[in-house]
Amino acid sequence: MNKELEVQVRSGRNKSQNKELLKRGFIPAVVYGKKMDSIAISVKTNELKKILEEAGPNALIDLKIRQNEKTINHQVLVKSVQYHPVNRTLIHADFHQVSLKDKVTATVSIHLTGTASGVAKGGVLAQLLWGCEVECLASSIPDTFMVDISSLEIGEGITLADLELPPDVKIIGDEHALIVSITAARAVEEELPEVEEEEEVIA
């Protein structure tokens, strides 16, 4: 189900106007696409934050742009967001208008579940990938890939080729790339320098 987000067209783009938006609980943003001109908009910060928290960065959004008592709808993805470097609040966003008939590329996060058998036997777990790029329709982008590592033994690993992909979702890149592996722990013995004992001299 698409997320809906109502926004307003904004005319000002200078720093003072952007600061005023932030004080009122809005952020400046831009929406653009192949079949439309770039539009400067203002977005309610809390509403966008809620969508990102509930649906993730790949949420397909029904963007309702209001201008002069008219509403124009665009299907968009969040292309990028900017956060304040100190308090980490949202300060800007870019939206990319997409066609529901054309395929897009997106980065999907990878999360590990379970406890690997090999770790219980002394192995060391290493996660090498936390996300991967996929190609699919905008309406078919997975929220995340959950990877069960419970059966992994020492010397084993899971690659991108092992992911269970939804229909019509394609991995972009090397499918043999390791997501996670279990390796044998190596005991490293530190050689401490020998210290010669000094005889205590009693005067």
C-alpha atoms as a PDB file:
ATOM      1  CA  MET A   1       0.000   0.000   0.000  1.00  0.00           C
ATOM      2  CA  ASN A   2       1.383   3.395  -1.032  1.00  0.00           C
ATOM      3  CA  LYS A   3       2.079   6.052   1.547  1.00  0.00           C
ATOM      4  CA  GLU A   4       0.408   9.408   0.993  1.00  0.00           C
ATOM      5  CA  LEU A   5       2.167  12.699   1.596  1.00  0.00           C
ATOM      6  CA  GLU A   6       0.626  16.138   1.072  1.00  0.00           C
ATOM      7  CA  VAL A   7       3.070  18.924   0.225  1.00  0.00           C
ATOM      8  CA  GLN A   8       2.959  22.579  -0.798  1.00  0.00           C
ATOM      9  CA  VAL A   9       4.725  24.342  -3.655  1.00  0.00           C
ATOM     10  CA  ARG A  10       7.229  26.877  -2.316  1.00  0.00           C
ATOM     11  CA  SER A  11       8.543  29.930  -4.126  1.00  0.00           C
ATOM     12  CA  GLY A  12      11.470  30.911  -1.947  1.00  0.00           C
ATOM     13  CA  ARG A  13      14.755  29.017  -1.988  1.00  0.00           C
ATOM     14  CA  ASN A  14      17.135  31.213   0.003  1.00  0.00           C
ATOM     15  CA  LYS A  15      18.603  30.313   3.402  1.00  0.00           C
ATOM     16  CA  SER A  16      16.404  32.643   5.462  1.00  0.00           C
ATOM     17  CA  GLN A  17      13.224  31.234   3.914  1.00  0.00           C
ATOM     18  CA  ASN A  18      14.450  27.671   4.477  1.00  0.00           C
ATOM     19  CA  LYS A  19      15.176  28.468   8.135  1.00  0.00           C
ATOM     20  CA  GLU A  20      11.672  29.857   8.522  1.00  0.00           C
ATOM     21  CA  LEU A  21      10.236  26.617   7.119  1.00  0.00           C
ATOM     22  CA  LEU A  22      12.221  24.569   9.614  1.00  0.00           C
ATOM     23  CA  LYS A  23      10.937  26.702  12.506  1.00  0.00           C
ATOM     24  CA  ARG A  24       7.352  26.006  11.386  1.00  0.00           C
ATOM     25  CA  GLY A  25       7.880  22.231  11.309  1.00  0.00           C
ATOM     26  CA  PHE A  26       8.500  21.913   7.562  1.00  0.00           C
ATOM     27  CA  ILE A  27      11.554  21.090   5.473  1.00  0.00           C
ATOM     28  CA  PRO A  28      12.434  22.356   1.997  1.00  0.00           C
ATOM     29  CA  ALA A  29      12.396  19.648  -0.663  1.00  0.00           C
ATOM     30  CA  VAL A  30      12.542  19.090  -4.421  1.00  0.00           C
ATOM     31  CA  VAL A  31      10.655  16.650  -6.657  1.00  0.00           C
ATOM     32  CA  TYR A  32      11.918  15.853 -10.146  1.00  0.00           C
ATOM     33  CA  GLY A  33      11.628  13.233 -12.870  1.00  0.00           C
ATOM     34  CA  LYS A  34      12.023  12.476 -16.566  1.00  0.00           C
ATOM     35  CA  LYS A  35       8.523  13.588 -17.483  1.00  0.00           C
ATOM     36  CA  MET A  36       8.248  16.662 -15.274  1.00  0.00           C
ATOM     37  CA  ASP A  37      10.062  19.862 -14.416  1.00  0.00           C
ATOM     38  CA  SER A  38      11.741  20.178 -11.048  1.00  0.00           C
ATOM     39  CA  ILE A  39       9.367  21.550  -8.405  1.00  0.00           C
ATOM     40  CA  ALA A  40      10.405  23.159  -5.115  1.00  0.00           C
ATOM     41  CA  ILE A  41       8.096  22.034  -2.316  1.00  0.00           C
ATOM     42  CA  SER A  42       7.734  22.161   1.468  1.00  0.00           C
ATOM     43  CA  VAL A  43       7.056  18.989   3.462  1.00  0.00           C
ATOM     44  CA  LYS A  44       5.827  18.484   7.014  1.00  0.00           C
ATOM     45  CA  THR A  45       8.860  17.103   8.813  1.00  0.00           C
ATOM     46  CA  ASN A  46       6.967  14.745  11.135  1.00  0.00           C
ATOM     47  CA  GLU A  47       4.923  13.224   8.294  1.00  0.00           C
ATOM     48  CA  LEU A  48       7.989  12.393   6.201  1.00  0.00           C
ATOM     49  CA  LYS A  49       9.811  11.117   9.282  1.00  0.00           C
ATOM     50  CA  LYS A  50       6.887   8.803  10.061  1.00  0.00           C
ATOM     51  CA  ILE A  51       6.903   7.354   6.533  1.00  0.00           C
ATOM     52  CA  LEU A  52      10.648   6.707   6.672  1.00  0.00           C
ATOM     53  CA  GLU A  53      10.337   5.009  10.068  1.00  0.00           C
ATOM     54  CA  GLU A  54       7.332   2.854   9.116  1.00  0.00           C
ATOM     55  CA  ALA A  55       8.061   1.989   5.491  1.00  0.00           C
ATOM     56  CA  GLY A  56      11.784   2.617   5.109  1.00  0.00           C
ATOM     57  CA  PRO A  57      13.747   4.667   2.568  1.00  0.00           C
ATOM     58  CA  ASN A  58      12.348   2.716  -0.423  1.00  0.00           C
ATOM     59  CA  ALA A  59       8.701   3.496   0.297  1.00  0.00           C
ATOM     60  CA  LEU A  60       6.608   4.300  -2.764  1.00  0.00           C
ATOM     61  CA  ILE A  61       4.880   7.583  -1.953  1.00  0.00           C
ATOM     62  CA  ASP A  62       1.768   9.111  -3.483  1.00  0.00           C
ATOM     63  CA  LEU A  63       2.904  12.735  -3.406  1.00  0.00           C
ATOM     64  CA  LYS A  64       0.013  15.210  -3.485  1.00  0.00           C
ATOM     65  CA  ILE A  65       1.305  18.615  -4.550  1.00  0.00           C
ATOM     66  CA  ARG A  66      -1.034  21.490  -3.719  1.00  0.00           C
ATOM     67  CA  GLN A  67      -0.804  24.775  -5.587  1.00  0.00           C
ATOM     68  CA  ASN A  68      -3.459  27.435  -6.169  1.00  0.00           C
ATOM     69  CA  GLU A  69      -6.214  25.202  -4.754  1.00  0.00           C
ATOM     70  CA  LYS A  70      -5.279  22.451  -7.201  1.00  0.00           C
ATOM     71  CA  THR A  71      -3.692  19.079  -6.380  1.00  0.00           C
ATOM     72  CA  ILE A  72      -1.312  17.195  -8.669  1.00  0.00           C
ATOM     73  CA  ASN A  73      -0.364  13.598  -7.838  1.00  0.00           C
ATOM     74  CA  HIS A  74       3.022  12.019  -8.505  1.00  0.00           C
ATOM     75  CA  GLN A  75       4.334   8.582  -7.576  1.00  0.00           C
ATOM     76  CA  VAL A  76       7.761   9.161  -6.058  1.00  0.00           C
ATOM     77  CA  LEU A  77      10.624   7.522  -4.209  1.00  0.00           C
ATOM     78  CA  VAL A  78      12.791   9.296  -1.656  1.00  0.00           C
ATOM     79  CA  LYS A  79      16.040   9.867  -3.516  1.00  0.00           C
ATOM     80  CA  SER A  80      17.963  11.407  -0.643  1.00  0.00           C
ATOM     81  CA  VAL A  81      17.523  13.096   2.723  1.00  0.00           C
ATOM     82  CA  GLN A  82      19.783  15.467   4.621  1.00  0.00           C
ATOM     83  CA  TYR A  83      20.116  15.694   8.382  1.00  0.00           C
ATOM     84  CA  HIS A  84      21.418  18.443  10.636  1.00  0.00           C
ATOM     85  CA  PRO A  85      25.036  17.573  11.507  1.00  0.00           C
ATOM     86  CA  VAL A  86      24.520  18.178  15.235  1.00  0.00           C
ATOM     87  CA  ASN A  87      20.952  17.333  16.266  1.00  0.00           C
ATOM     88  CA  ARG A  88      20.310  14.903  13.359  1.00  0.00           C
ATOM     89  CA  THR A  89      16.899  16.372  12.490  1.00  0.00           C
ATOM     90  CA  LEU A  90      15.649  16.316   8.896  1.00  0.00           C
ATOM     91  CA  ILE A  91      16.523  19.477   6.977  1.00  0.00           C
ATOM     92  CA  HIS A  92      16.029  18.611   3.273  1.00  0.00           C
ATOM     93  CA  ALA A  93      14.733  15.883   0.954  1.00  0.00           C
ATOM     94  CA  ASP A  94      14.783  15.000  -2.738  1.00  0.00           C
ATOM     95  CA  PHE A  95      11.945  13.020  -4.326  1.00  0.00           C
ATOM     96  CA  HIS A  96      12.254  11.191  -7.652  1.00  0.00           C
ATOM     97  CA  GLN A  97       9.096  10.814  -9.730  1.00  0.00           C
ATOM     98  CA  VAL A  98       8.796   7.274 -11.128  1.00  0.00           C
ATOM     99  CA  SER A  99       6.570   5.370 -13.526  1.00  0.00           C
ATOM    100  CA  LEU A 100       4.842   2.279 -12.177  1.00  0.00           C
ATOM    101  CA  LYS A 101       5.519   0.623 -15.540  1.00  0.00           C
ATOM    102  CA  ASP A 102       9.282   1.178 -15.638  1.00  0.00           C
ATOM    103  CA  LYS A 103      11.917  -0.615 -13.581  1.00  0.00           C
ATOM    104  CA  VAL A 104      14.043   1.309 -11.120  1.00  0.00           C
ATOM    105  CA  THR A 105      17.160   0.554  -9.085  1.00  0.00           C
ATOM    106  CA  ALA A 106      17.213   0.733  -5.304  1.00  0.00           C
ATOM    107  CA  THR A 107      19.431  -0.289  -2.415  1.00  0.00           C
ATOM    108  CA  VAL A 108      17.804  -2.769  -0.032  1.00  0.00           C
ATOM    109  CA  SER A 109      19.198  -3.338   3.451  1.00  0.00           C
ATOM    110  CA  ILE A 110      20.257  -6.796   4.663  1.00  0.00           C
ATOM    111  CA  HIS A 111      19.561  -7.957   8.226  1.00  0.00           C
ATOM    112  CA  LEU A 112      20.839 -11.145   9.844  1.00  0.00           C
ATOM    113  CA  THR A 113      18.580 -13.288  12.034  1.00  0.00           C
ATOM    114  CA  GLY A 114      19.342 -16.199  14.335  1.00  0.00           C
ATOM    115  CA  THR A 115      22.588 -17.344  15.943  1.00  0.00           C
ATOM    116  CA  ALA A 116      25.030 -19.270  13.764  1.00  0.00           C
ATOM    117  CA  SER A 117      25.943 -22.779  14.919  1.00  0.00           C
ATOM    118  CA  GLY A 118      29.551 -22.100  13.975  1.00  0.00           C
ATOM    119  CA  VAL A 119      29.773 -19.179  16.393  1.00  0.00           C
ATOM    120  CA  ALA A 120      28.700 -21.445  19.272  1.00  0.00           C
ATOM    121  CA  LYS A 121      31.610 -23.705  18.310  1.00  0.00           C
ATOM    122  CA  GLY A 122      34.171 -20.935  18.468  1.00  0.00           C
ATOM    123  CA  GLY A 123      33.881 -19.466  14.974  1.00  0.00           C
ATOM    124  CA  VAL A 124      33.962 -15.753  14.185  1.00  0.00           C
ATOM    125  CA  LEU A 125      31.065 -14.166  12.304  1.00  0.00           C
ATOM    126  CA  ALA A 126      31.807 -11.463   9.742  1.00  0.00           C
ATOM    127  CA  GLN A 127      29.060  -9.546   7.944  1.00  0.00           C
ATOM    128  CA  LEU A 128      30.519  -8.159   4.735  1.00  0.00           C
ATOM    129  CA  LEU A 129      27.411  -6.633   3.134  1.00  0.00           C
ATOM    130  CA  TRP A 130      24.695  -4.597   4.832  1.00  0.00           C
ATOM    131  CA  GLY A 131      22.755  -3.856   1.645  1.00  0.00           C
ATOM    132  CA  CYS A 132      22.555  -4.664  -2.054  1.00  0.00           C
ATOM    133  CA  GLU A 133      21.269  -3.000  -5.192  1.00  0.00           C
ATOM    134  CA  VAL A 134      18.238  -4.432  -6.960  1.00  0.00           C
ATOM    135  CA  GLU A 135      16.286  -3.726 -10.129  1.00  0.00           C
ATOM    136  CA  CYS A 136      12.495  -4.018 -10.192  1.00  0.00           C
ATOM    137  CA  LEU A 137       9.264  -2.059 -10.463  1.00  0.00           C
ATOM    138  CA  ALA A 138       8.950   0.740  -7.927  1.00  0.00           C
ATOM    139  CA  SER A 139       5.953  -1.011  -6.409  1.00  0.00           C
ATOM    140  CA  SER A 140       7.970  -4.226  -5.877  1.00  0.00           C
ATOM    141  CA  ILE A 141      11.017  -2.942  -3.981  1.00  0.00           C
ATOM    142  CA  PRO A 142      11.553  -5.202  -0.940  1.00  0.00           C
ATOM    143  CA  ASP A 143      11.559  -3.497   2.464  1.00  0.00           C
ATOM    144  CA  THR A 144      14.592  -5.532   3.542  1.00  0.00           C
ATOM    145  CA  PHE A 145      16.260  -8.914   3.064  1.00  0.00           C
ATOM    146  CA  MET A 146      16.166 -11.103   6.179  1.00  0.00           C
ATOM    147  CA  VAL A 147      18.977 -13.665   6.175  1.00  0.00           C
ATOM    148  CA  ASP A 148      18.745 -16.618   8.579  1.00  0.00           C
ATOM    149  CA  ILE A 149      22.252 -17.634   9.667  1.00  0.00           C
ATOM    150  CA  SER A 150      21.218 -20.298  12.206  1.00  0.00           C
ATOM    151  CA  SER A 151      22.591 -23.245  10.207  1.00  0.00           C
ATOM    152  CA  LEU A 152      25.936 -21.659   9.295  1.00  0.00           C
ATOM    153  CA  GLU A 153      28.960 -23.704  10.371  1.00  0.00           C
ATOM    154  CA  ILE A 154      32.636 -22.755  10.496  1.00  0.00           C
ATOM    155  CA  GLY A 155      33.959 -22.331   6.966  1.00  0.00           C
ATOM    156  CA  GLU A 156      30.530 -21.577   5.479  1.00  0.00           C
ATOM    157  CA  GLY A 157      28.987 -18.389   4.151  1.00  0.00           C
ATOM    158  CA  ILE A 158      25.945 -16.886   2.443  1.00  0.00           C
ATOM    159  CA  THR A 159      26.172 -15.012  -0.860  1.00  0.00           C
ATOM    160  CA  LEU A 160      23.812 -12.682  -2.719  1.00  0.00           C
ATOM    161  CA  ALA A 161      22.864 -15.652  -4.913  1.00  0.00           C
ATOM    162  CA  ASP A 162      21.418 -17.338  -1.810  1.00  0.00           C
ATOM    163  CA  LEU A 163      18.879 -14.571  -1.166  1.00  0.00           C
ATOM    164  CA  GLU A 164      15.219 -15.452  -1.631  1.00  0.00           C
ATOM    165  CA  LEU A 165      14.108 -12.864  -4.164  1.00  0.00           C
ATOM    166  CA  PRO A 166      10.496 -11.866  -4.805  1.00  0.00           C
ATOM    167  CA  PRO A 167       9.247 -12.345  -8.391  1.00  0.00           C
ATOM    168  CA  ASP A 168      10.692  -9.895 -10.927  1.00  0.00           C
ATOM    169  CA  VAL A 169      13.345  -8.598  -8.511  1.00  0.00           C
ATOM    170  CA  LYS A 170      16.886  -8.851  -9.845  1.00  0.00           C
ATOM    171  CA  ILE A 171      20.179  -8.439  -7.996  1.00  0.00           C
ATOM    172  CA  ILE A 172      22.576  -5.950  -9.589  1.00  0.00           C
ATOM    173  CA  GLY A 173      26.235  -6.818  -9.142  1.00  0.00           C
ATOM    174  CA  ASP A 174      28.225  -9.920  -8.291  1.00  0.00           C
ATOM    175  CA  GLU A 175      25.798 -12.588  -7.087  1.00  0.00           C
ATOM    176  CA  HIS A 176      28.713 -14.543  -5.623  1.00  0.00           C
ATOM    177  CA  ALA A 177      29.640 -11.710  -3.253  1.00  0.00           C
ATOM    178  CA  LEU A 178      29.638 -12.861   0.369  1.00  0.00           C
ATOM    179  CA  ILE A 179      27.048 -11.383   2.703  1.00  0.00           C
ATOM    180  CA  VAL A 180      28.247 -13.185   5.802  1.00  0.00           C
ATOM    181  CA  SER A 181      30.786 -15.867   6.666  1.00  0.00           C
ATOM    182  CA  ILE A 182      31.956 -17.896   9.657  1.00  0.00           C
ATOM    183  CA  THR A 183      35.695 -18.369  10.023  1.00  0.00           C
ATOM    184  CA  ALA A 184      37.776 -20.301  12.528  1.00  0.00           C
ATOM    185  CA  ALA A 185      39.093 -18.225  15.396  1.00  0.00           C
ATOM    186  CA  ARG A 186      42.867 -18.000  15.481  1.00  0.00           C
ATOM    187  CA  ALA A 187      44.517 -17.955  18.846  1.00  0.00           C
ATOM    188  CA  VAL A 188      47.193 -15.317  18.747  1.00  0.00           C
ATOM    189  CA  GLU A 189      49.863 -15.771  21.382  1.00  0.00           C
ATOM    190  CA  GLU A 190      51.656 -12.624  22.233  1.00  0.00           C
ATOM    191  CA  GLU A 191      55.325 -13.115  22.962  1.00  0.00           C
ATOM    192  CA  LEU A 192      56.127 -11.071  25.982  1.00  0.00           C
ATOM    193  CA  PRO A 193      59.711  -9.841  26.246  1.00  0.00           C
ATOM    194  CA  GLU A 194      61.705 -11.498  28.972  1.00  0.00           C
ATOM    195  CA  VAL A 195      62.539  -9.191  31.830  1.00  0.00           C
ATOM    196  CA  GLU A 196      65.700  -9.861  33.749  1.00  0.00           C
ATOM    197  CA  GLU A 197      65.197  -9.798  37.480  1.00  0.00           C
ATOM    198  CA  GLU A 198      67.396  -7.346  39.292  1.00  0.00           C
ATOM    199  CA  GLU A 199      68.901  -8.361  42.554  1.00  0.00           C
ATOM    200  CA  GLU A 200      67.884  -6.172  45.415  1.00  0.00           C
ATOM    201  CA  VAL A 201      70.935  -4.632  47.027  1.00  0.00           C
ATOM    202  CA  ILE A 202      70.673  -4.003  50.721  1.00  0.00           C
ATOM    203  CA  ALA A 203      73.031  -1.360  51.923  1.00  0.00           C
END
